[in-house]
């Protein structure tokens, strides 16, 4: 437990960042689940919730890009995920 005047070490910062990661994961997937529920069961539009999830991903990606921590492997995975999502969306759109 830290007292007033104690300095923060690398472990403290690492644990804080890890907790923020877990919080973001819970929030993002919770919003996606809520959007799916609204869309599939209540037949309501959920674009506002999808926009929140997408915007949060864009913000983190831009921040990491600005600090130059993204790799070529990350870029390949991101392009593959975008292509797969586009194909899936097109397939869903064509079946309706």
C-alpha atoms as a PDB file:
ATOM      1  CA  UNK A   1       0.000   0.000   0.000  1.00  0.00           C
ATOM      2  CA  UNK A   2       1.372   3.404  -0.938  1.00  0.00           C
ATOM      3  CA  UNK A   3       1.493   6.220   1.561  1.00  0.00           C
ATOM      4  CA  UNK A   4       1.661   9.925   0.918  1.00  0.00           C
ATOM      5  CA  UNK A   5       5.103  10.823  -0.328  1.00  0.00           C
ATOM      6  CA  UNK A   6       5.951   7.357  -1.691  1.00  0.00           C
ATOM      7  CA  UNK A   7       7.105   7.294  -5.285  1.00  0.00           C
ATOM      8  CA  UNK A   8       5.499   5.150  -7.929  1.00  0.00           C
ATOM      9  CA  UNK A   9       7.706   2.411  -9.321  1.00  0.00           C
ATOM     10  CA  UNK A  10       7.521   0.506 -12.621  1.00  0.00           C
ATOM     11  CA  UNK A  11       5.451  -2.278 -11.072  1.00  0.00           C
ATOM     12  CA  UNK A  12       2.784   0.180  -9.938  1.00  0.00           C
ATOM     13  CA  UNK A  13       2.587   1.747 -13.389  1.00  0.00           C
ATOM     14  CA  UNK A  14       2.463  -1.704 -15.008  1.00  0.00           C
ATOM     15  CA  UNK A  15      -0.375  -2.855 -12.743  1.00  0.00           C
ATOM     16  CA  UNK A  16      -2.306   0.369 -13.397  1.00  0.00           C
ATOM     17  CA  UNK A  17      -1.905  -0.005 -17.159  1.00  0.00           C
ATOM     18  CA  UNK A  18      -2.969  -3.645 -16.969  1.00  0.00           C
ATOM     19  CA  UNK A  19      -6.095  -2.684 -15.039  1.00  0.00           C
ATOM     20  CA  UNK A  20      -6.927  -0.034 -17.653  1.00  0.00           C
ATOM     21  CA  UNK A  21      -6.548  -2.693 -20.374  1.00  0.00           C
ATOM     22  CA  UNK A  22      -8.954  -5.041 -18.601  1.00  0.00           C
ATOM     23  CA  UNK A  23     -11.390  -2.209 -17.994  1.00  0.00           C
ATOM     24  CA  UNK A  24     -11.282  -1.263 -21.682  1.00  0.00           C
ATOM     25  CA  UNK A  25     -11.869  -4.875 -22.736  1.00  0.00           C
ATOM     26  CA  UNK A  26     -14.893  -5.215 -20.447  1.00  0.00           C
ATOM     27  CA  UNK A  27     -16.292  -1.887 -21.621  1.00  0.00           C
ATOM     28  CA  UNK A  28     -15.760  -2.547 -25.340  1.00  0.00           C
ATOM     29  CA  UNK A  29     -17.230  -6.060 -25.290  1.00  0.00           C
ATOM     30  CA  UNK A  30     -20.060  -4.916 -23.022  1.00  0.00           C
ATOM     31  CA  UNK A  31     -20.989  -2.220 -25.523  1.00  0.00           C
ATOM     32  CA  UNK A  32     -20.788  -4.745 -28.371  1.00  0.00           C
ATOM     33  CA  UNK A  33     -23.038  -7.163 -26.463  1.00  0.00           C
ATOM     34  CA  UNK A  34     -25.509  -4.358 -25.781  1.00  0.00           C
ATOM     35  CA  UNK A  35     -25.477  -3.392 -29.467  1.00  0.00           C
ATOM     36  CA  UNK A  36     -26.069  -7.002 -30.494  1.00  0.00           C
ATOM     37  CA  UNK A  37     -28.947  -7.308 -28.018  1.00  0.00           C
ATOM     38  CA  UNK A  38     -30.536  -4.076 -29.242  1.00  0.00           C
ATOM     39  CA  UNK A  39     -30.165  -5.069 -32.875  1.00  0.00           C
ATOM     40  CA  UNK A  40     -31.068  -8.746 -32.769  1.00  0.00           C
ATOM     41  CA  UNK A  41     -33.732  -8.961 -30.083  1.00  0.00           C
ATOM     42  CA  UNK A  42     -35.272  -5.496 -29.926  1.00  0.00           C
ATOM     43  CA  UNK A  43     -34.788  -4.629 -33.631  1.00  0.00           C
ATOM     44  CA  UNK A  44     -33.382  -1.215 -32.739  1.00  0.00           C
ATOM     45  CA  UNK A  45     -30.585   0.652 -34.441  1.00  0.00           C
ATOM     46  CA  UNK A  46     -27.307   0.364 -32.559  1.00  0.00           C
ATOM     47  CA  UNK A  47     -24.956   2.416 -34.721  1.00  0.00           C
ATOM     48  CA  UNK A  48     -24.286   4.813 -31.853  1.00  0.00           C
ATOM     49  CA  UNK A  49     -22.847   2.004 -29.762  1.00  0.00           C
ATOM     50  CA  UNK A  50     -20.818   0.603 -32.649  1.00  0.00           C
ATOM     51  CA  UNK A  51     -19.452   4.110 -33.261  1.00  0.00           C
ATOM     52  CA  UNK A  52     -18.248   4.275 -29.643  1.00  0.00           C
ATOM     53  CA  UNK A  53     -16.369   0.986 -29.965  1.00  0.00           C
ATOM     54  CA  UNK A  54     -14.848   1.989 -33.304  1.00  0.00           C
ATOM     55  CA  UNK A  55     -13.881   5.455 -32.038  1.00  0.00           C
ATOM     56  CA  UNK A  56     -12.142   3.986 -28.991  1.00  0.00           C
ATOM     57  CA  UNK A  57     -10.145   1.652 -31.228  1.00  0.00           C
ATOM     58  CA  UNK A  58      -9.189   4.523 -33.534  1.00  0.00           C
ATOM     59  CA  UNK A  59      -8.033   6.648 -30.595  1.00  0.00           C
ATOM     60  CA  UNK A  60      -5.795   3.916 -29.178  1.00  0.00           C
ATOM     61  CA  UNK A  61      -4.399   3.110 -32.628  1.00  0.00           C
ATOM     62  CA  UNK A  62      -3.589   6.743 -33.393  1.00  0.00           C
ATOM     63  CA  UNK A  63      -1.923   7.166 -30.005  1.00  0.00           C
ATOM     64  CA  UNK A  64       0.230   4.078 -30.527  1.00  0.00           C
ATOM     65  CA  UNK A  65       1.069   5.134 -34.083  1.00  0.00           C
ATOM     66  CA  UNK A  66       2.110   8.578 -32.868  1.00  0.00           C
ATOM     67  CA  UNK A  67       4.481   6.983 -30.372  1.00  0.00           C
ATOM     68  CA  UNK A  68       5.714   4.527 -33.038  1.00  0.00           C
ATOM     69  CA  UNK A  69       4.971   1.278 -31.206  1.00  0.00           C
ATOM     70  CA  UNK A  70       3.007  -0.444 -33.995  1.00  0.00           C
ATOM     71  CA  UNK A  71       4.769  -3.202 -35.938  1.00  0.00           C
ATOM     72  CA  UNK A  72       4.438  -4.604 -39.448  1.00  0.00           C
ATOM     73  CA  UNK A  73       2.826  -7.720 -37.959  1.00  0.00           C
ATOM     74  CA  UNK A  74       0.199  -5.491 -36.322  1.00  0.00           C
ATOM     75  CA  UNK A  75      -0.494  -3.793 -39.671  1.00  0.00           C
ATOM     76  CA  UNK A  76      -1.015  -7.151 -41.416  1.00  0.00           C
ATOM     77  CA  UNK A  77      -3.363  -8.329 -38.662  1.00  0.00           C
ATOM     78  CA  UNK A  78      -5.315  -5.046 -38.765  1.00  0.00           C
ATOM     79  CA  UNK A  79      -5.754  -5.189 -42.555  1.00  0.00           C
ATOM     80  CA  UNK A  80      -6.844  -8.840 -42.342  1.00  0.00           C
ATOM     81  CA  UNK A  81      -9.379  -8.031 -39.611  1.00  0.00           C
ATOM     82  CA  UNK A  82     -10.790  -5.101 -41.600  1.00  0.00           C
ATOM     83  CA  UNK A  83     -11.070  -7.239 -44.744  1.00  0.00           C
ATOM     84  CA  UNK A  84     -12.775 -10.055 -42.831  1.00  0.00           C
ATOM     85  CA  UNK A  85     -15.207  -7.624 -41.198  1.00  0.00           C
ATOM     86  CA  UNK A  86     -16.025  -6.070 -44.578  1.00  0.00           C
ATOM     87  CA  UNK A  87     -16.702  -9.517 -46.103  1.00  0.00           C
ATOM     88  CA  UNK A  88     -18.853 -10.507 -43.155  1.00  0.00           C
ATOM     89  CA  UNK A  89     -20.834  -7.244 -43.353  1.00  0.00           C
ATOM     90  CA  UNK A  90     -21.320  -7.672 -47.100  1.00  0.00           C
ATOM     91  CA  UNK A  91     -22.503 -11.249 -46.577  1.00  0.00           C
ATOM     92  CA  UNK A  92     -24.988 -10.179 -43.903  1.00  0.00           C
ATOM     93  CA  UNK A  93     -26.191  -7.322 -46.090  1.00  0.00           C
ATOM     94  CA  UNK A  94     -26.769  -9.569 -49.091  1.00  0.00           C
ATOM     95  CA  UNK A  95     -28.746 -12.136 -47.126  1.00  0.00           C
ATOM     96  CA  UNK A  96     -31.310  -9.641 -45.836  1.00  0.00           C
END
